[in-house]
Amino acid sequence: MHRLARIASLALAAASPAIAQQRPAPDRGPEPLRFQFLGPANGGRISAASGIPGDTLTYYFGAASGGVWKTTDGGNTAVPISDSLPVQAIGALALAPTEKNTIWIGTGEAWAIRDADVMGDGVYKSTDAGKTWVHMGLESTGRIGKIIVHPSNPDVVWVCALGRATGAQQERGV
């Protein structure tokens, strides 16, 4: 009888969840891609985003009416880096390919989707990853939709300026 009780207790122990949890799970490969929330909870519509090549955790986001945000943990958290600017509507954002700390932003909500679009005051540049900003021009443009940084010179950019969508304007174009 004693031997039968011992065999029964060993069988129960082998089938217990604690023992089962110690077995390695079968390799199912990588998780499938899925939509997920990234970035600031109250940042608004993201109008532009850019990451640092080779750094899978650091990204910059420009919000249509909520400034520029930076994440260093792959989007789990983000901090605002443009609160010192007089305008918070971001239409474009680009990082210099040769200088990871150089960020260019174009202000103004580039999507003219409603009557109350948020206007900007031109283009800004940061050479210290968003700690400080310098106004670079195009004050009267109103809306910047795209910025492309020269592939080898971080001081040269092409700017797509929508301008004021409801009338004539001199500062419009590339």
C-alpha atoms as a PDB file:
ATOM      1  CA  MET A   1       0.000   0.000   0.000  1.00  0.00           C
ATOM      2  CA  HIS A   2       2.794   2.360   0.875  1.00  0.00           C
ATOM      3  CA  ARG A   3       4.410   1.733  -2.499  1.00  0.00           C
ATOM      4  CA  LEU A   4       1.109   2.388  -4.346  1.00  0.00           C
ATOM      5  CA  ALA A   5       0.669   5.712  -2.511  1.00  0.00           C
ATOM      6  CA  ARG A   6       4.194   6.733  -3.471  1.00  0.00           C
ATOM      7  CA  ILE A   7       3.603   5.939  -7.164  1.00  0.00           C
ATOM      8  CA  ALA A   8       0.322   7.882  -7.103  1.00  0.00           C
ATOM      9  CA  SER A   9       1.959  10.939  -5.524  1.00  0.00           C
ATOM     10  CA  LEU A  10       4.774  10.857  -8.121  1.00  0.00           C
ATOM     11  CA  ALA A  11       2.199  10.674 -10.924  1.00  0.00           C
ATOM     12  CA  LEU A  12       0.306  13.644  -9.469  1.00  0.00           C
ATOM     13  CA  ALA A  13       3.514  15.633  -9.054  1.00  0.00           C
ATOM     14  CA  ALA A  14       4.508  14.979 -12.655  1.00  0.00           C
ATOM     15  CA  ALA A  15       1.157  16.259 -13.869  1.00  0.00           C
ATOM     16  CA  SER A  16       1.098  19.338 -11.622  1.00  0.00           C
ATOM     17  CA  PRO A  17       1.099  22.839 -13.167  1.00  0.00           C
ATOM     18  CA  ALA A  18       4.377  23.707 -11.439  1.00  0.00           C
ATOM     19  CA  ILE A  19       6.163  20.910 -13.245  1.00  0.00           C
ATOM     20  CA  ALA A  20       4.422  21.725 -16.529  1.00  0.00           C
ATOM     21  CA  GLN A  21       5.527  25.367 -16.284  1.00  0.00           C
ATOM     22  CA  GLN A  22       9.154  24.304 -16.151  1.00  0.00           C
ATOM     23  CA  ARG A  23       8.993  22.726 -19.584  1.00  0.00           C
ATOM     24  CA  PRO A  24      10.149  25.091 -22.359  1.00  0.00           C
ATOM     25  CA  ALA A  25       7.403  26.431 -24.600  1.00  0.00           C
ATOM     26  CA  PRO A  26       7.608  25.444 -28.248  1.00  0.00           C
ATOM     27  CA  ASP A  27       9.171  28.081 -30.506  1.00  0.00           C
ATOM     28  CA  ARG A  28       6.351  29.745 -32.422  1.00  0.00           C
ATOM     29  CA  GLY A  29       8.507  32.310 -34.210  1.00  0.00           C
ATOM     30  CA  PRO A  30       8.086  36.094 -34.052  1.00  0.00           C
ATOM     31  CA  GLU A  31       4.783  37.686 -33.100  1.00  0.00           C
ATOM     32  CA  PRO A  32       2.734  38.822 -36.112  1.00  0.00           C
ATOM     33  CA  LEU A  33       2.587  42.524 -36.901  1.00  0.00           C
ATOM     34  CA  ARG A  34      -0.378  44.317 -35.391  1.00  0.00           C
ATOM     35  CA  PHE A  35      -1.625  47.831 -34.940  1.00  0.00           C
ATOM     36  CA  GLN A  36      -0.723  49.292 -31.573  1.00  0.00           C
ATOM     37  CA  PHE A  37      -0.758  52.657 -29.881  1.00  0.00           C
ATOM     38  CA  LEU A  38       2.611  54.434 -29.784  1.00  0.00           C
ATOM     39  CA  GLY A  39       3.578  57.839 -28.509  1.00  0.00           C
ATOM     40  CA  PRO A  40       2.078  60.425 -26.235  1.00  0.00           C
ATOM     41  CA  ALA A  41      -1.438  59.813 -24.959  1.00  0.00           C
ATOM     42  CA  ASN A  42      -2.508  63.430 -25.533  1.00  0.00           C
ATOM     43  CA  GLY A  43      -0.242  64.400 -28.429  1.00  0.00           C
ATOM     44  CA  GLY A  44      -2.986  64.606 -31.055  1.00  0.00           C
ATOM     45  CA  ARG A  45      -2.682  63.411 -34.645  1.00  0.00           C
ATOM     46  CA  ILE A  46       0.865  62.432 -35.556  1.00  0.00           C
ATOM     47  CA  SER A  47       1.707  64.285 -38.767  1.00  0.00           C
ATOM     48  CA  ALA A  48       5.368  63.291 -39.083  1.00  0.00           C
ATOM     49  CA  ALA A  49       7.724  60.728 -37.602  1.00  0.00           C
ATOM     50  CA  SER A  50      11.354  59.819 -38.014  1.00  0.00           C
ATOM     51  CA  GLY A  51      13.777  57.428 -36.376  1.00  0.00           C
ATOM     52  CA  ILE A  52      17.521  57.201 -36.098  1.00  0.00           C
ATOM     53  CA  PRO A  53      18.936  54.534 -38.441  1.00  0.00           C
ATOM     54  CA  GLY A  54      20.410  51.708 -36.378  1.00  0.00           C
ATOM     55  CA  ASP A  55      18.644  52.819 -33.183  1.00  0.00           C
ATOM     56  CA  THR A  56      15.375  50.906 -32.953  1.00  0.00           C
ATOM     57  CA  LEU A  57      14.267  52.657 -29.759  1.00  0.00           C
ATOM     58  CA  THR A  58      14.634  56.385 -30.524  1.00  0.00           C
ATOM     59  CA  TYR A  59      11.961  58.161 -32.571  1.00  0.00           C
ATOM     60  CA  TYR A  60      10.695  61.695 -32.984  1.00  0.00           C
ATOM     61  CA  PHE A  61       7.014  62.452 -33.582  1.00  0.00           C
ATOM     62  CA  GLY A  62       5.499  65.709 -34.800  1.00  0.00           C
ATOM     63  CA  ALA A  63       1.861  66.231 -33.846  1.00  0.00           C
ATOM     64  CA  ALA A  64      -0.473  68.249 -36.065  1.00  0.00           C
ATOM     65  CA  SER A  65      -1.355  70.471 -33.113  1.00  0.00           C
ATOM     66  CA  GLY A  66       0.732  69.099 -30.245  1.00  0.00           C
ATOM     67  CA  GLY A  67       4.434  69.793 -30.776  1.00  0.00           C
ATOM     68  CA  VAL A  68       7.426  67.497 -31.161  1.00  0.00           C
ATOM     69  CA  TRP A  69       7.827  64.417 -28.975  1.00  0.00           C
ATOM     70  CA  LYS A  70      10.785  62.090 -28.445  1.00  0.00           C
ATOM     71  CA  THR A  71      10.794  58.473 -27.337  1.00  0.00           C
ATOM     72  CA  THR A  72      13.884  56.502 -26.360  1.00  0.00           C
ATOM     73  CA  ASP A  73      12.064  53.293 -25.437  1.00  0.00           C
ATOM     74  CA  GLY A  74      10.425  52.371 -28.723  1.00  0.00           C
ATOM     75  CA  GLY A  75       7.238  54.361 -28.135  1.00  0.00           C
ATOM     76  CA  ASN A  76       6.281  53.154 -24.668  1.00  0.00           C
ATOM     77  CA  THR A  77       6.796  56.665 -23.303  1.00  0.00           C
ATOM     78  CA  ALA A  78       7.466  60.011 -24.954  1.00  0.00           C
ATOM     79  CA  VAL A  79       8.476  63.475 -23.767  1.00  0.00           C
ATOM     80  CA  PRO A  80       7.731  66.836 -25.403  1.00  0.00           C
ATOM     81  CA  ILE A  81      10.837  68.568 -26.767  1.00  0.00           C
ATOM     82  CA  SER A  82       9.339  71.649 -28.426  1.00  0.00           C
ATOM     83  CA  ASP A  83       7.538  73.380 -25.558  1.00  0.00           C
ATOM     84  CA  SER A  84       9.921  76.351 -25.864  1.00  0.00           C
ATOM     85  CA  LEU A  85       8.650  77.159 -29.394  1.00  0.00           C
ATOM     86  CA  PRO A  86       5.950  79.784 -29.992  1.00  0.00           C
ATOM     87  CA  VAL A  87       3.949  77.365 -32.177  1.00  0.00           C
ATOM     88  CA  GLN A  88       2.945  73.745 -31.588  1.00  0.00           C
ATOM     89  CA  ALA A  89       1.461  72.723 -34.951  1.00  0.00           C
ATOM     90  CA  ILE A  90       3.952  70.433 -36.693  1.00  0.00           C
ATOM     91  CA  GLY A  91       3.488  69.511 -40.339  1.00  0.00           C
ATOM     92  CA  ALA A  92       6.890  67.989 -41.121  1.00  0.00           C
ATOM     93  CA  LEU A  93       9.867  66.506 -39.315  1.00  0.00           C
ATOM     94  CA  ALA A  94      13.145  65.159 -40.680  1.00  0.00           C
ATOM     95  CA  LEU A  95      16.417  63.953 -39.221  1.00  0.00           C
ATOM     96  CA  ALA A  96      19.719  64.593 -40.945  1.00  0.00           C
ATOM     97  CA  PRO A  97      21.056  61.292 -42.309  1.00  0.00           C
ATOM     98  CA  THR A  98      24.646  62.218 -41.419  1.00  0.00           C
ATOM     99  CA  GLU A  99      24.019  63.887 -38.053  1.00  0.00           C
ATOM    100  CA  LYS A 100      21.705  62.016 -35.680  1.00  0.00           C
ATOM    101  CA  ASN A 101      21.200  65.028 -33.367  1.00  0.00           C
ATOM    102  CA  THR A 102      20.103  67.395 -36.149  1.00  0.00           C
ATOM    103  CA  ILE A 103      16.319  67.696 -36.442  1.00  0.00           C
ATOM    104  CA  TRP A 104      14.415  69.920 -38.851  1.00  0.00           C
ATOM    105  CA  ILE A 105      10.723  70.684 -38.310  1.00  0.00           C
ATOM    106  CA  GLY A 106       8.189  72.521 -40.424  1.00  0.00           C
ATOM    107  CA  THR A 107       5.366  74.152 -38.533  1.00  0.00           C
ATOM    108  CA  GLY A 108       1.714  74.481 -39.390  1.00  0.00           C
ATOM    109  CA  GLU A 109      -0.859  71.769 -39.806  1.00  0.00           C
ATOM    110  CA  ALA A 110      -0.226  70.564 -43.339  1.00  0.00           C
ATOM    111  CA  TRP A 111      -3.555  68.754 -43.691  1.00  0.00           C
ATOM    112  CA  ALA A 112      -6.097  71.424 -44.557  1.00  0.00           C
ATOM    113  CA  ILE A 113      -9.037  69.307 -43.387  1.00  0.00           C
ATOM    114  CA  ARG A 114     -11.168  71.855 -41.587  1.00  0.00           C
ATOM    115  CA  ASP A 115     -11.757  75.597 -41.315  1.00  0.00           C
ATOM    116  CA  ALA A 116      -9.775  75.948 -38.084  1.00  0.00           C
ATOM    117  CA  ASP A 117      -6.399  74.664 -39.312  1.00  0.00           C
ATOM    118  CA  VAL A 118      -3.524  75.536 -37.041  1.00  0.00           C
ATOM    119  CA  MET A 119      -1.008  77.801 -38.771  1.00  0.00           C
ATOM    120  CA  GLY A 120       2.732  77.733 -38.239  1.00  0.00           C
ATOM    121  CA  ASP A 121       5.545  80.239 -38.472  1.00  0.00           C
ATOM    122  CA  GLY A 122       8.126  78.487 -40.635  1.00  0.00           C
ATOM    123  CA  VAL A 123      11.013  76.082 -40.199  1.00  0.00           C
ATOM    124  CA  TYR A 124      13.080  75.291 -37.099  1.00  0.00           C
ATOM    125  CA  LYS A 125      16.327  73.380 -36.640  1.00  0.00           C
ATOM    126  CA  SER A 126      17.874  71.685 -33.623  1.00  0.00           C
ATOM    127  CA  THR A 127      21.456  70.413 -33.540  1.00  0.00           C
ATOM    128  CA  ASP A 128      21.208  68.955 -30.019  1.00  0.00           C
ATOM    129  CA  ALA A 129      18.397  66.394 -30.406  1.00  0.00           C
ATOM    130  CA  GLY A 130      15.643  68.890 -29.600  1.00  0.00           C
ATOM    131  CA  LYS A 131      17.053  70.581 -26.488  1.00  0.00           C
ATOM    132  CA  THR A 132      17.240  73.954 -28.263  1.00  0.00           C
ATOM    133  CA  TRP A 133      15.735  75.261 -31.507  1.00  0.00           C
ATOM    134  CA  VAL A 134      16.689  77.982 -34.008  1.00  0.00           C
ATOM    135  CA  HIS A 135      14.134  79.564 -36.348  1.00  0.00           C
ATOM    136  CA  MET A 136      15.434  79.138 -39.904  1.00  0.00           C
ATOM    137  CA  GLY A 137      12.877  81.117 -41.928  1.00  0.00           C
ATOM    138  CA  LEU A 138       9.702  80.913 -44.012  1.00  0.00           C
ATOM    139  CA  GLU A 139       7.747  82.788 -41.317  1.00  0.00           C
ATOM    140  CA  SER A 140       4.775  83.571 -43.567  1.00  0.00           C
ATOM    141  CA  THR A 141       4.371  80.140 -45.108  1.00  0.00           C
ATOM    142  CA  GLY A 142       1.691  78.958 -42.707  1.00  0.00           C
ATOM    143  CA  ARG A 143       1.947  75.227 -43.409  1.00  0.00           C
ATOM    144  CA  ILE A 144       4.959  73.011 -44.123  1.00  0.00           C
ATOM    145  CA  GLY A 145       4.060  69.546 -45.442  1.00  0.00           C
ATOM    146  CA  LYS A 146       7.453  67.899 -45.981  1.00  0.00           C
ATOM    147  CA  ILE A 147      11.158  68.442 -45.299  1.00  0.00           C
ATOM    148  CA  ILE A 148      13.963  66.481 -46.945  1.00  0.00           C
ATOM    149  CA  VAL A 149      17.492  66.841 -45.567  1.00  0.00           C
ATOM    150  CA  HIS A 150      20.412  66.652 -47.996  1.00  0.00           C
ATOM    151  CA  PRO A 151      22.007  63.178 -47.829  1.00  0.00           C
ATOM    152  CA  SER A 152      25.490  64.485 -46.923  1.00  0.00           C
ATOM    153  CA  ASN A 153      24.990  68.085 -45.713  1.00  0.00           C
ATOM    154  CA  PRO A 154      22.721  68.499 -42.656  1.00  0.00           C
ATOM    155  CA  ASP A 155      22.523  72.269 -43.287  1.00  0.00           C
ATOM    156  CA  VAL A 156      20.734  71.923 -46.652  1.00  0.00           C
ATOM    157  CA  VAL A 157      17.028  71.072 -46.797  1.00  0.00           C
ATOM    158  CA  TRP A 158      14.199  71.071 -49.302  1.00  0.00           C
ATOM    159  CA  VAL A 159      10.892  72.291 -47.924  1.00  0.00           C
ATOM    160  CA  CYS A 160       7.450  71.614 -49.339  1.00  0.00           C
ATOM    161  CA  ALA A 161       5.410  74.668 -48.336  1.00  0.00           C
ATOM    162  CA  LEU A 162       1.655  74.415 -48.751  1.00  0.00           C
ATOM    163  CA  GLY A 163       1.114  77.898 -47.411  1.00  0.00           C
ATOM    164  CA  ARG A 164      -2.317  79.324 -46.833  1.00  0.00           C
ATOM    165  CA  ALA A 165      -4.660  77.009 -48.707  1.00  0.00           C
ATOM    166  CA  THR A 166      -7.445  79.564 -49.147  1.00  0.00           C
ATOM    167  CA  GLY A 167      -5.722  82.248 -51.200  1.00  0.00           C
ATOM    168  CA  ALA A 168      -2.702  83.520 -53.090  1.00  0.00           C
ATOM    169  CA  GLN A 169       0.631  83.621 -51.305  1.00  0.00           C
ATOM    170  CA  GLN A 170       4.226  84.350 -52.284  1.00  0.00           C
ATOM    171  CA  GLU A 171       5.796  81.786 -49.922  1.00  0.00           C
ATOM    172  CA  ARG A 172       4.410  78.607 -51.435  1.00  0.00           C
ATOM    173  CA  GLY A 173       6.121  75.750 -53.265  1.00  0.00           C
ATOM    174  CA  VAL A 174       9.474  73.981 -52.810  1.00  0.00           C
END
